[in-house]
Structure formats: C-alpha cells, structure tokens
Amino acid sequence: MTGSTAPLAPHPDRLLPTDPSVRSIARRLYRHVRELPILSPHGHVDPRLFVEDAAFPDPATLLVTKDHYVTRILHAAGFSLDELGVGRDDLTEAESRSIWRALCSRWDVLRGTPSRYWLESELSEIFGVEQRPSAATADAIHDRIADCLAKDEFRPRALFQSFGVEVLATTDDPADDLSAHRSLREDPTWTGRVIPTFRPDRYLEAGRPGWVEAVDRLGEVAGIDTGDYTGYVRALEERRRRFVELGATSADHSHFDVRTDPLDPGEAERIYRAARADAATPEETTALRRHMLLEMARMSTEDGLVMTLHPGVRRNHHTPTFQAHGSDTGHDIPVRAEFTEALRPLLERYGTHPNLHLVLFTLDETTFSREIAPLAGFYPSVYAGAPWWFLDAPEAVRRFRGAVTETAGFTRTSGFIDDTRAFCSIPARHDMSRRLDSGYLAGLVAEHRLAEDEAAEVAVELCTTIPRGVFKL
C-alpha cells in the first residue's frame, strides 16, 4: 500500500532476531529493559529548552531542520539546505509545511536508514500518527503534529518526564556562562537532571582562525590572564572546576587524531607565544594540540571529569556549505583513525590512574577489534564507546557487539550514547539499542554461551549500572 492508504505501524518485534526460537528469548530480555529510565551522558540538546519550556514552534523545526541526519540525506536527494530551513529559527507556517512536504515526498530516500526508524517511532509513539508519510499525507501529518505541539503535554519539560529521562548531558563551550544550567539547578519546579559537558576543542586548536580571540575570552571568563602558556592552562583548569560545580561529569574531545605526544614546558610556552603572534607553523600548532590533549588527561585525573574521545572526522568537508550555513550541517566526513600508538603517551602516564575514565569512540569500525577492544580489555581507565553518529545504526551496533565483546566483555563498554540534537528522537534511539542488545544476548543464550538469567542481568546493566559507572553519574 502507498500514499494515504498505507498505515504507519512500527512492528512490536522490530529489530529482534528473525529466528523464532531466538526471537522468543529476545522478547523476554527486552521486557526487562523496555521501561527503564533513559541515561543520556553525551548529547547536544540545548539546556535553554528546559529553562524556557516554550512550546515547540512547528513540526519542521522540531523534526527536520535541526536534525542533520535527516537534512543531509534530503540534500543528497536534491533539496538545498535553504529549502530545508537549515540554520533558521523563524519559519513561517507556510515554510514549515513546505519543508515537511519535502520530507514526506521523499520518504523513500530514508528507507533502510536509522533516521527512518527513529522518525517512524517518533511519529507513531509520541504524536500518534497512523499514516505513512508521503506526498499525499504530508499536510495531514503536519496538522496532527502541530495540534499536539499546542498542548502543554508536548512542551519540553513534560516530554522530558514522559520520555523517562533520568539524566541528560549537554555539550557546552568552556567560556559559556552556564546560566541555563544554573537556572535549572535553582528552579524549585524543575525535578529533572540536566548537566553540562566541557567541550574545549576550539581552545586547543591554535592553528584555527579566531583561536587567539577565543583564548582571550576564556581568560576573561576565568578571571586569569591567558597571555602566557601557564595562564592558558590555569584558565582551562578553572573553567573545568566551574563545570564540575554545576554538575558536569565529563569532558568531550573531537580532533582529527588523538595523538598525545608530550612537549617539555619550555617548548609548549614557545609554541603558545608564537601561535598568539600568528607565527607558529601548522606542525607546531598540531604539536601543541596533541600536548594539550595529554594535559586534558592530566586534568581529568585531578578533577575527575570523564574524558571522551571521538576523533577521525574531516569537519566541514564542503567549504561553500560551511560558509553559507556553518558547522554541524551534515558534511562532516569520517577518515581512518589510529588509537594504539596515538594514546600510548597518555596511557603510559595515566592508563592505570584510579581517577581516569577514558571512553574511546570511533567512526572507523576497523578499530573496534584491532585497537579499542584490546585497549579496554587491559587498561582499567579505558572503555569502548558505543557506536555513534554514522555508526548508530542497527547493523553497526550488531557489528560492534560482535567485535568488542569477545575481547573486552560488556562491562568495559560505555552503554548507549544517543549523541543527538534531535530531542524527540532520544527515546527511539535508546529503544533501538535495547532491542539490539536483547537480540545479541538472546543469541548467546540460544548458543548456550550464557544463561538467560545472566543475559537479563547484562541487558539491565547496559542501560543502568554500566553508563552510571562509566560516566560517574
């Protein structure tokens, strides 16, 4: 069936194994985790959403324009990012409807993607949509969602509660005043837990445009002169301290590589001063960044912030799109990654430190079994981060479990990470992970490699005690 006659009815056994005997085990395991609270220790939802608690403006702004998983596929299908409202916060009703029609008219390009899976779950389970998106049903679905968004139970705070979110971590600039987080902590009517995450990338990349101005601003906020290297390091330490005071449990890092080669203090000072004078070579600024990543690990051993690394991305691959629409607009492209040699200086110093939790994410699946699982299987500080971004898809999650578990087990992994700006997709993403893990565990039970009671314990731990422990929640 197509068009207005085709129902939207996600199957209750979706993503579970196809073998009937294994599926029955997976169903039982899934029942243990289906209603558990959601822990989201890494993501990009704006905390102001919950401070203001304003109604979401329209369906397209909520579900399309800010979700680069969706807009990048539609862009590849021929829509311009302008047509899709990317970067806009002020859509008219007509513009929202036009963007929604674009999505529904090319629903076919999402077939087989996790975005399709998440959107179907959101439309059906949050908004009660019963028709499959198509050109014929676009307006009716848009109206249905718009009607829902006008109700109090669809405001951000109400959805936070109905989604069962226990904790939600945001991603924040070190120079941010964190006023939104402070407001939530001081609001007696707010009972949720939203915590900041320290994201210092732009302050470590001395070769990027605007670095000097950014570091000067960091110093102003920290109340420390960043004119020399010592002040620069102290300013980063001070801002980390402030993040911890407001509930932060982790610091997130994303660079082209994760080399952690140390510099002696004199050389670090020389390169820092040269970079401030725009006189450092690209090789020198890269060396400073690699040294500072090692310094971030040293700081984590002192202040306890979990250190998460997700390297191997060529940011803003299409310069014209970056110039027109900015970053995070769907054209960051993965490259090969290397961890074993890159992290050896860090792990030589801190790999057995009791206060360091180092979570390694990758977009290069070849590193799962070759590097990340063996590192997590030896160093008590290292954890294998769940598949994220391009890899947060059913088959990639299954490959991850197969590649990592035999070497590192379950307890050396991070628990699921939704890594999203799309707030309404959070329950769908976590549910996807729970179904897939139930299926993987059911296979171990069916092969008599694990007793079913143990599999049920693991399923629950992957959603609760493991992420709580890894991210110090």
Protein backbone atom coordinates (compact mmCIF):
# COMPACT_ATOMS: atom_id res chain seq x y z
CA MET A 1 0.00 0.00 0.00
CA THR A 2 1.16 3.53 -0.70
CA GLY A 3 0.09 7.10 -0.09
CA SER A 4 -2.82 7.80 2.20
CA THR A 5 -3.83 4.11 2.45
CA ALA A 6 -0.56 2.85 3.91
CA PRO A 7 -0.54 2.62 7.72
CA LEU A 8 2.33 3.70 9.93
CA ALA A 9 2.54 0.88 12.46
CA PRO A 10 6.03 0.00 13.75
CA HIS A 11 6.14 -3.74 14.39
CA PRO A 12 6.37 -4.73 18.08
CA ASP A 13 9.19 -7.17 17.25
CA ARG A 14 11.20 -4.76 15.12
CA LEU A 15 14.98 -5.32 15.23
CA LEU A 16 14.62 -8.58 17.15
CA PRO A 17 16.15 -11.76 15.64
CA THR A 18 14.23 -13.44 12.83
CA ASP A 19 14.76 -16.99 14.11
CA PRO A 20 11.58 -17.78 16.08
CA SER A 21 13.34 -19.56 18.95
CA VAL A 22 15.90 -16.77 19.41
CA ARG A 23 13.26 -14.09 18.99
CA SER A 24 11.24 -15.53 21.86
CA ILE A 25 14.28 -15.20 24.14
CA ALA A 26 14.92 -11.66 22.90
CA ARG A 27 11.32 -10.71 23.66
CA ARG A 28 11.74 -11.85 27.25
CA LEU A 29 15.00 -9.97 27.64
CA TYR A 30 13.58 -6.82 26.09
CA ARG A 31 10.73 -6.81 28.61
CA HIS A 32 13.33 -6.34 31.37
CA VAL A 33 14.66 -3.11 29.81
CA ARG A 34 11.79 -1.62 27.81
CA GLU A 35 10.59 0.73 30.56
CA LEU A 36 13.90 1.52 32.25
CA PRO A 37 14.84 5.21 32.63
CA ILE A 38 16.99 6.84 29.97
CA LEU A 39 20.56 7.86 30.78
CA SER A 40 21.93 10.23 28.13
CA PRO A 41 25.53 11.06 29.13
CA HIS A 42 26.54 12.61 25.79
CA GLY A 43 24.36 14.73 23.52
CA HIS A 44 23.71 18.17 22.12
CA VAL A 45 20.25 19.26 23.26
CA ASP A 46 20.21 22.96 24.23
CA PRO A 47 19.60 23.30 28.00
CA ARG A 48 17.67 26.54 27.41
CA LEU A 49 14.92 24.33 26.04
CA PHE A 50 14.01 23.32 29.59
CA VAL A 51 14.58 26.74 31.15
CA GLU A 52 12.16 28.45 28.79
CA ASP A 53 9.82 25.45 28.42
CA ALA A 54 8.22 27.14 25.43
CA ALA A 55 6.06 25.21 23.00
CA PHE A 56 7.99 23.83 20.05
CA PRO A 57 7.26 26.20 17.16
CA ASP A 58 6.31 23.81 14.36
CA PRO A 59 6.83 20.24 13.07
CA ALA A 60 9.63 21.06 10.63
CA THR A 61 11.72 22.95 13.19
CA LEU A 62 11.28 20.14 15.69
CA LEU A 63 11.89 17.13 13.45
CA VAL A 64 13.70 18.24 10.29
CA THR A 65 15.71 21.46 10.16
CA LYS A 66 17.90 20.80 13.21
CA ASP A 67 18.49 17.11 12.51
CA HIS A 68 21.45 16.84 10.15
CA TYR A 69 20.90 13.08 9.92
CA VAL A 70 17.72 13.94 8.00
CA THR A 71 18.76 17.07 6.13
CA ARG A 72 21.98 15.54 4.75
CA ILE A 73 20.02 12.70 3.08
CA LEU A 74 17.44 15.09 1.66
CA HIS A 75 20.27 17.33 0.44
CA ALA A 76 21.80 14.35 -1.36
CA ALA A 77 18.36 13.76 -2.93
CA GLY A 78 18.38 17.23 -4.47
CA PHE A 79 16.99 19.65 -1.88
CA SER A 80 19.08 22.67 -0.96
CA LEU A 81 19.74 23.34 2.72
CA ASP A 82 17.96 26.67 2.26
CA GLU A 83 14.85 24.81 1.12
CA LEU A 84 15.13 22.67 4.25
CA GLY A 85 15.39 25.66 6.57
CA VAL A 86 18.81 24.74 7.93
CA GLY A 87 20.03 27.42 10.33
CA ARG A 88 16.59 29.00 10.62
CA ASP A 89 14.67 29.50 13.86
CA ASP A 90 11.88 31.63 12.46
CA LEU A 91 9.96 29.52 9.96
CA THR A 92 6.57 30.71 8.88
CA GLU A 93 3.69 28.24 8.85
CA ALA A 94 3.94 28.04 5.07
CA GLU A 95 7.70 27.38 5.20
CA SER A 96 7.30 24.69 7.84
CA ARG A 97 4.65 22.99 5.74
CA SER A 98 6.84 23.18 2.63
CA ILE A 99 9.78 21.58 4.44
CA TRP A 100 7.53 18.88 5.84
CA ARG A 101 6.20 18.15 2.35
CA ALA A 102 9.79 17.79 1.14
CA LEU A 103 10.47 15.16 3.80
CA CYS A 104 7.26 13.23 3.15
CA SER A 105 7.52 13.39 -0.62
CA ARG A 106 10.96 11.75 -0.47
CA TRP A 107 10.26 9.36 2.38
CA ASP A 108 11.68 6.69 0.09
CA VAL A 109 15.27 8.02 0.38
CA LEU A 110 15.21 7.19 4.09
CA ARG A 111 14.43 3.51 3.55
CA GLY A 112 16.82 1.29 5.49
CA THR A 113 18.35 4.17 7.46
CA PRO A 114 18.25 4.64 11.23
CA SER A 115 16.70 8.06 10.62
CA ARG A 116 13.68 6.36 9.07
CA TYR A 117 13.46 4.01 12.05
CA TRP A 118 13.67 6.85 14.59
CA LEU A 119 11.20 9.07 12.74
CA GLU A 120 8.65 6.26 12.45
CA SER A 121 8.94 5.64 16.19
CA GLU A 122 8.61 9.35 16.98
CA LEU A 123 5.64 9.91 14.71
CA SER A 124 3.78 6.83 15.92
CA GLU A 125 4.63 6.69 19.61
CA ILE A 126 4.89 10.38 20.51
CA PHE A 127 2.43 12.03 18.14
CA GLY A 128 0.02 9.18 17.40
CA VAL A 129 0.46 9.41 13.61
CA GLU A 130 -1.17 6.44 11.89
CA GLN A 131 -0.41 7.17 8.22
CA ARG A 132 2.87 6.55 6.47
CA PRO A 133 4.47 9.83 5.30
CA SER A 134 4.01 10.55 1.59
CA ALA A 135 3.18 13.50 -0.62
CA ALA A 136 -0.49 12.65 -0.14
CA THR A 137 -0.36 12.51 3.67
CA ALA A 138 2.15 15.30 4.37
CA ASP A 139 -0.35 18.03 5.22
CA ALA A 140 -2.49 15.82 7.43
CA ILE A 141 0.56 14.63 9.40
CA HIS A 142 1.85 18.19 9.70
CA ASP A 143 -1.53 19.26 11.11
CA ARG A 144 -1.58 16.34 13.54
CA ILE A 145 1.85 17.22 14.93
CA ALA A 146 1.08 20.96 15.05
CA ASP A 147 -2.07 20.22 17.05
CA CYS A 148 -0.03 18.18 19.52
CA LEU A 149 2.62 20.88 19.89
CA ALA A 150 -0.05 23.35 21.01
CA LYS A 151 -0.76 21.21 24.10
CA ASP A 152 1.05 21.51 27.42
CA GLU A 153 1.94 17.82 27.50
CA PHE A 154 4.16 18.34 24.44
CA ARG A 155 6.28 21.10 25.95
CA PRO A 156 9.95 20.26 26.65
CA ARG A 157 9.64 19.65 30.38
CA ALA A 158 6.59 17.44 30.03
CA LEU A 159 8.25 15.39 27.29
CA PHE A 160 11.42 15.07 29.38
CA GLN A 161 9.30 13.41 32.06
CA SER A 162 7.20 11.29 29.69
CA PHE A 163 10.34 10.04 27.92
CA GLY A 164 11.60 8.76 31.26
CA VAL A 165 14.89 10.66 31.09
CA GLU A 166 16.86 10.29 34.31
CA VAL A 167 19.83 12.41 33.27
CA LEU A 168 20.65 14.39 30.13
CA ALA A 169 24.12 15.76 29.43
CA THR A 170 24.51 18.73 27.11
CA THR A 171 27.65 19.90 25.29
CA ASP A 172 28.95 23.31 26.34
CA ASP A 173 31.68 25.78 25.46
CA PRO A 174 34.23 26.34 28.27
CA ALA A 175 33.55 30.09 28.09
CA ASP A 176 29.78 29.64 28.38
CA ASP A 177 28.37 31.29 31.49
CA LEU A 178 26.27 28.15 32.08
CA SER A 179 23.35 30.35 33.07
CA ALA A 180 20.83 27.84 31.73
CA HIS A 181 22.27 25.09 33.91
CA ARG A 182 22.34 27.41 36.90
CA SER A 183 18.71 28.35 36.33
CA LEU A 184 17.63 24.72 36.22
CA ARG A 185 19.52 23.90 39.43
CA GLU A 186 17.90 26.84 41.21
CA ASP A 187 14.37 26.25 39.87
CA PRO A 188 12.25 24.55 42.57
CA THR A 189 9.68 23.50 39.94
CA TRP A 190 12.26 21.55 37.90
CA THR A 191 12.85 17.97 39.01
CA GLY A 192 14.91 16.69 36.07
CA ARG A 193 18.67 16.37 35.86
CA VAL A 194 20.43 18.20 33.02
CA ILE A 195 24.21 18.53 33.33
CA PRO A 196 26.86 20.35 31.28
CA THR A 197 29.77 18.77 29.42
CA PHE A 198 33.12 20.53 28.97
CA ARG A 199 33.98 20.73 25.23
CA PRO A 200 37.32 22.56 24.79
CA ASP A 201 38.18 21.69 21.15
CA ARG A 202 38.35 25.25 19.82
CA TYR A 203 40.69 26.31 22.63
CA LEU A 204 43.18 23.53 21.89
CA GLU A 205 43.39 24.12 18.12
CA ALA A 206 45.88 27.00 17.95
CA GLY A 207 46.02 26.81 14.17
CA ARG A 208 42.36 27.66 13.62
CA PRO A 209 41.08 31.15 12.81
CA GLY A 210 39.83 33.01 15.87
CA TRP A 211 41.88 30.98 18.34
CA VAL A 212 43.57 33.98 19.98
CA GLU A 213 40.25 35.76 20.48
CA ALA A 214 38.71 32.58 21.89
CA VAL A 215 41.56 32.07 24.36
CA ASP A 216 41.38 35.72 25.43
CA ARG A 217 37.67 35.31 26.06
CA LEU A 218 38.37 32.15 28.04
CA GLY A 219 40.75 34.13 30.23
CA GLU A 220 38.18 36.85 30.79
CA VAL A 221 35.56 34.37 31.92
CA ALA A 222 38.03 32.50 34.12
CA GLY A 223 39.50 35.71 35.56
CA ILE A 224 43.00 34.61 34.54
CA ASP A 225 45.44 36.26 32.12
CA THR A 226 45.98 33.91 29.17
CA GLY A 227 48.86 35.95 27.72
CA ASP A 228 51.28 33.11 28.51
CA TYR A 229 51.07 29.35 28.46
CA THR A 230 50.85 29.00 32.23
CA GLY A 231 47.82 31.30 32.37
CA TYR A 232 46.23 29.45 29.46
CA VAL A 233 46.46 26.12 31.28
CA ARG A 234 45.23 27.65 34.54
CA ALA A 235 42.22 29.18 32.75
CA LEU A 236 41.22 25.78 31.36
CA GLU A 237 41.57 24.24 34.81
CA GLU A 238 39.45 26.98 36.38
CA ARG A 239 36.66 26.59 33.86
CA ARG A 240 36.66 22.81 34.35
CA ARG A 241 36.30 23.43 38.08
CA ARG A 242 33.26 25.64 37.44
CA PHE A 243 31.69 22.98 35.20
CA VAL A 244 32.14 20.39 37.93
CA GLU A 245 30.42 22.71 40.42
CA LEU A 246 27.39 22.81 38.14
CA GLY A 247 27.19 19.04 37.81
CA ALA A 248 29.45 18.17 34.86
CA THR A 249 30.84 14.64 34.88
CA SER A 250 32.71 14.56 31.56
CA ALA A 251 34.88 16.47 29.12
CA ASP A 252 34.39 15.73 25.42
CA HIS A 253 37.12 15.97 22.77
CA SER A 254 36.95 15.67 18.99
CA HIS A 255 40.08 16.28 16.93
CA PHE A 256 41.38 14.93 13.67
CA ASP A 257 43.57 12.46 15.59
CA VAL A 258 44.19 11.51 19.21
CA ARG A 259 47.96 11.68 19.35
CA THR A 260 49.11 12.70 22.81
CA ASP A 261 52.80 13.41 22.30
CA PRO A 262 54.19 15.50 25.19
CA LEU A 263 56.14 18.74 24.89
CA ASP A 264 58.53 19.99 27.52
CA PRO A 265 57.25 23.14 29.29
CA GLY A 266 59.66 25.46 27.53
CA GLU A 267 58.66 24.23 24.08
CA ALA A 268 54.96 24.44 24.91
CA GLU A 269 55.45 28.03 26.08
CA ARG A 270 57.40 28.92 22.91
CA ILE A 271 54.78 27.49 20.55
CA TYR A 272 51.95 29.08 22.54
CA ARG A 273 53.51 32.54 22.29
CA ALA A 274 54.27 32.01 18.59
CA ALA A 275 50.65 30.98 17.96
CA ARG A 276 49.39 34.11 19.72
CA ALA A 277 51.61 36.14 17.40
CA ASP A 278 50.37 34.20 14.34
CA ALA A 279 53.94 32.98 13.84
CA ALA A 280 53.55 29.25 14.56
CA THR A 281 53.74 26.67 11.77
CA PRO A 282 50.92 24.15 11.20
CA GLU A 283 53.23 21.45 12.53
CA GLU A 284 53.80 23.45 15.72
CA THR A 285 50.13 24.16 16.37
CA THR A 286 49.33 20.49 15.82
CA ALA A 287 52.08 19.55 18.30
CA LEU A 288 50.61 21.96 20.85
CA ARG A 289 47.13 20.49 20.41
CA ARG A 290 48.45 16.95 20.87
CA HIS A 291 50.30 18.02 24.00
CA MET A 292 47.19 19.74 25.33
CA LEU A 293 45.14 16.57 24.86
CA LEU A 294 47.64 14.92 27.19
CA GLU A 295 47.15 17.84 29.57
CA MET A 296 43.39 17.28 29.44
CA ALA A 297 44.00 13.72 30.64
CA ARG A 298 46.18 15.02 33.46
CA MET A 299 43.40 17.41 34.47
CA SER A 300 40.85 14.56 34.40
CA THR A 301 42.95 12.60 36.88
CA GLU A 302 42.75 15.63 39.18
CA ASP A 303 39.17 16.84 38.80
CA GLY A 304 37.55 13.51 37.90
CA LEU A 305 35.90 14.52 34.63
CA VAL A 306 35.44 11.52 32.35
CA MET A 307 37.46 12.00 29.15
CA THR A 308 35.63 11.05 25.97
CA LEU A 309 37.43 10.99 22.63
CA HIS A 310 35.84 10.77 19.19
CA PRO A 311 38.46 11.50 16.52
CA GLY A 312 38.74 10.83 12.83
CA VAL A 313 36.39 13.33 11.19
CA ARG A 314 37.09 15.79 8.40
CA ARG A 315 34.95 18.67 9.59
CA ASN A 316 33.05 20.87 7.15
CA HIS A 317 34.07 18.90 4.09
CA HIS A 318 32.17 21.19 1.69
CA THR A 319 33.51 24.72 2.14
CA PRO A 320 30.66 26.52 0.30
CA THR A 321 28.10 24.85 2.60
CA PHE A 322 30.15 25.77 5.67
CA GLN A 323 30.40 29.38 4.53
CA ALA A 324 26.66 29.57 3.87
CA HIS A 325 25.28 27.54 6.79
CA GLY A 326 28.06 27.00 9.32
CA SER A 327 29.18 23.84 11.06
CA ASP A 328 27.14 20.77 12.02
CA THR A 329 25.14 20.89 8.80
CA GLY A 330 25.72 17.36 7.56
CA HIS A 331 29.05 17.38 5.75
CA ASP A 332 31.49 16.12 8.38
CA ILE A 333 33.01 13.01 6.80
CA PRO A 334 34.85 10.16 8.62
CA VAL A 335 38.51 9.31 7.97
CA ARG A 336 40.75 6.50 9.20
CA ALA A 337 41.59 6.54 12.90
CA GLU A 338 44.50 5.18 14.97
CA PHE A 339 44.49 4.75 18.75
CA THR A 340 47.18 2.31 19.85
CA GLU A 341 50.28 4.39 19.19
CA ALA A 342 48.47 7.72 19.43
CA LEU A 343 47.34 7.14 23.00
CA ARG A 344 50.43 5.37 24.29
CA PRO A 345 51.98 8.52 25.87
CA LEU A 346 48.70 9.22 27.69
CA LEU A 347 48.23 5.62 28.82
CA GLU A 348 51.87 5.25 29.88
CA ARG A 349 51.26 8.09 32.33
CA TYR A 350 47.63 7.70 33.32
CA GLY A 351 46.29 4.38 31.99
CA THR A 352 46.14 2.83 35.46
CA HIS A 353 45.20 6.01 37.34
CA PRO A 354 42.14 5.29 39.51
CA ASN A 355 40.52 8.65 38.74
CA LEU A 356 40.66 8.47 34.92
CA HIS A 357 37.81 7.15 32.81
CA LEU A 358 38.74 7.33 29.10
CA VAL A 359 35.93 6.48 26.67
CA LEU A 360 37.03 5.83 23.09
CA PHE A 361 34.54 6.34 20.26
CA THR A 362 35.28 5.80 16.61
CA LEU A 363 33.80 6.16 13.16
CA ASP A 364 36.35 3.67 11.83
CA GLU A 365 34.92 0.21 12.50
CA THR A 366 38.25 -1.46 11.76
CA THR A 367 39.50 -0.17 15.12
CA PHE A 368 36.81 -1.93 17.18
CA SER A 369 38.51 -5.33 17.43
CA ARG A 370 42.03 -4.32 16.44
CA GLU A 371 42.60 -1.43 18.88
CA ILE A 372 39.74 -0.24 21.05
CA ALA A 373 38.63 -3.59 22.50
CA PRO A 374 42.20 -4.69 23.35
CA LEU A 375 42.91 -1.32 24.99
CA ALA A 376 39.68 -1.53 27.01
CA GLY A 377 40.46 -5.14 27.82
CA PHE A 378 43.72 -4.22 29.57
CA TYR A 379 43.69 -0.65 30.86
CA PRO A 380 41.32 -0.10 33.81
CA SER A 381 40.82 3.50 32.68
CA VAL A 382 39.68 2.69 29.12
CA TYR A 383 36.13 1.94 27.93
CA ALA A 384 34.88 1.13 24.44
CA GLY A 385 32.38 3.79 23.45
CA ALA A 386 29.17 2.60 21.81
CA PRO A 387 28.69 3.20 18.07
CA TRP A 388 27.70 6.80 17.48
CA TRP A 389 26.90 9.19 14.66
CA PHE A 390 27.23 7.35 11.32
CA LEU A 391 27.54 4.05 13.20
CA ASP A 392 24.49 4.39 15.47
CA ALA A 393 22.57 2.11 13.12
CA PRO A 394 21.29 -1.43 13.68
CA GLU A 395 23.90 -3.34 11.70
CA ALA A 396 26.78 -1.24 13.06
CA VAL A 397 25.60 -1.83 16.64
CA ARG A 398 25.49 -5.57 15.98
CA ARG A 399 28.98 -5.46 14.47
CA PHE A 400 30.23 -3.53 17.50
CA ARG A 401 28.93 -6.13 19.93
CA GLY A 402 30.47 -8.94 17.93
CA ALA A 403 33.82 -7.18 17.55
CA VAL A 404 34.23 -5.89 21.09
CA THR A 405 32.57 -8.35 23.46
CA GLU A 406 34.87 -11.30 22.87
CA THR A 407 37.91 -9.22 23.86
CA ALA A 408 36.56 -6.75 26.40
CA GLY A 409 33.23 -8.16 27.61
CA PHE A 410 30.23 -5.97 28.39
CA THR A 411 31.47 -4.10 31.46
CA ARG A 412 34.28 -2.40 29.52
CA THR A 413 31.80 -0.69 27.20
CA SER A 414 30.09 2.65 27.74
CA GLY A 415 26.39 1.92 27.43
CA PHE A 416 24.40 3.55 24.65
CA ILE A 417 25.14 7.14 23.60
CA ASP A 418 22.46 8.98 21.62
CA ASP A 419 24.70 11.95 20.67
CA THR A 420 21.77 13.95 19.30
CA ARG A 421 20.38 17.44 18.93
CA ALA A 422 17.00 15.98 17.99
CA PHE A 423 15.33 15.85 21.41
CA CYS A 424 12.31 13.81 20.35
CA SER A 425 14.49 11.07 18.88
CA ILE A 426 16.10 10.24 22.23
CA PRO A 427 13.59 7.57 23.35
CA ALA A 428 13.57 5.98 19.89
CA ARG A 429 17.37 5.79 19.81
CA HIS A 430 17.63 4.22 23.26
CA ASP A 431 14.84 1.79 22.48
CA MET A 432 16.68 0.76 19.32
CA SER A 433 19.79 -0.01 21.36
CA ARG A 434 17.81 -2.01 23.92
CA ARG A 435 16.19 -4.12 21.22
CA LEU A 436 19.52 -4.80 19.51
CA ASP A 437 21.28 -5.73 22.74
CA SER A 438 18.38 -8.00 23.67
CA GLY A 439 18.79 -9.71 20.31
CA TYR A 440 22.55 -10.09 20.71
CA LEU A 441 22.18 -11.50 24.21
CA ALA A 442 19.42 -13.84 23.04
CA GLY A 443 21.85 -15.29 20.52
CA LEU A 444 24.34 -16.05 23.30
CA VAL A 445 21.58 -17.75 25.28
CA ALA A 446 20.42 -19.78 22.26
CA GLU A 447 24.01 -20.93 21.69
CA HIS A 448 24.24 -21.92 25.37
CA ARG A 449 27.07 -19.44 25.91
CA LEU A 450 25.14 -17.52 28.56
CA ALA A 451 22.31 -18.44 30.89
CA GLU A 452 19.12 -16.45 30.39
CA ASP A 453 19.16 -15.03 33.92
CA GLU A 454 22.68 -13.71 33.31
CA ALA A 455 21.63 -12.28 29.95
CA ALA A 456 18.77 -10.44 31.67
CA GLU A 457 21.24 -9.00 34.19
CA VAL A 458 23.52 -7.81 31.40
CA ALA A 459 20.62 -6.25 29.48
CA VAL A 460 19.65 -4.21 32.54
CA GLU A 461 23.25 -3.28 33.37
CA LEU A 462 23.85 -1.97 29.84
CA CYS A 463 21.06 0.56 30.43
CA THR A 464 21.75 1.41 34.07
CA THR A 465 24.79 0.49 36.15
CA ILE A 466 27.29 0.48 33.27
CA PRO A 467 26.64 4.02 31.94
CA ARG A 468 26.23 5.32 35.52
CA GLY A 469 29.62 3.91 36.43
CA VAL A 470 31.48 4.84 33.26
CA PHE A 471 30.23 8.43 33.24
CA LYS A 472 30.24 8.83 37.02
CA LEU A 473 26.54 9.63 37.10
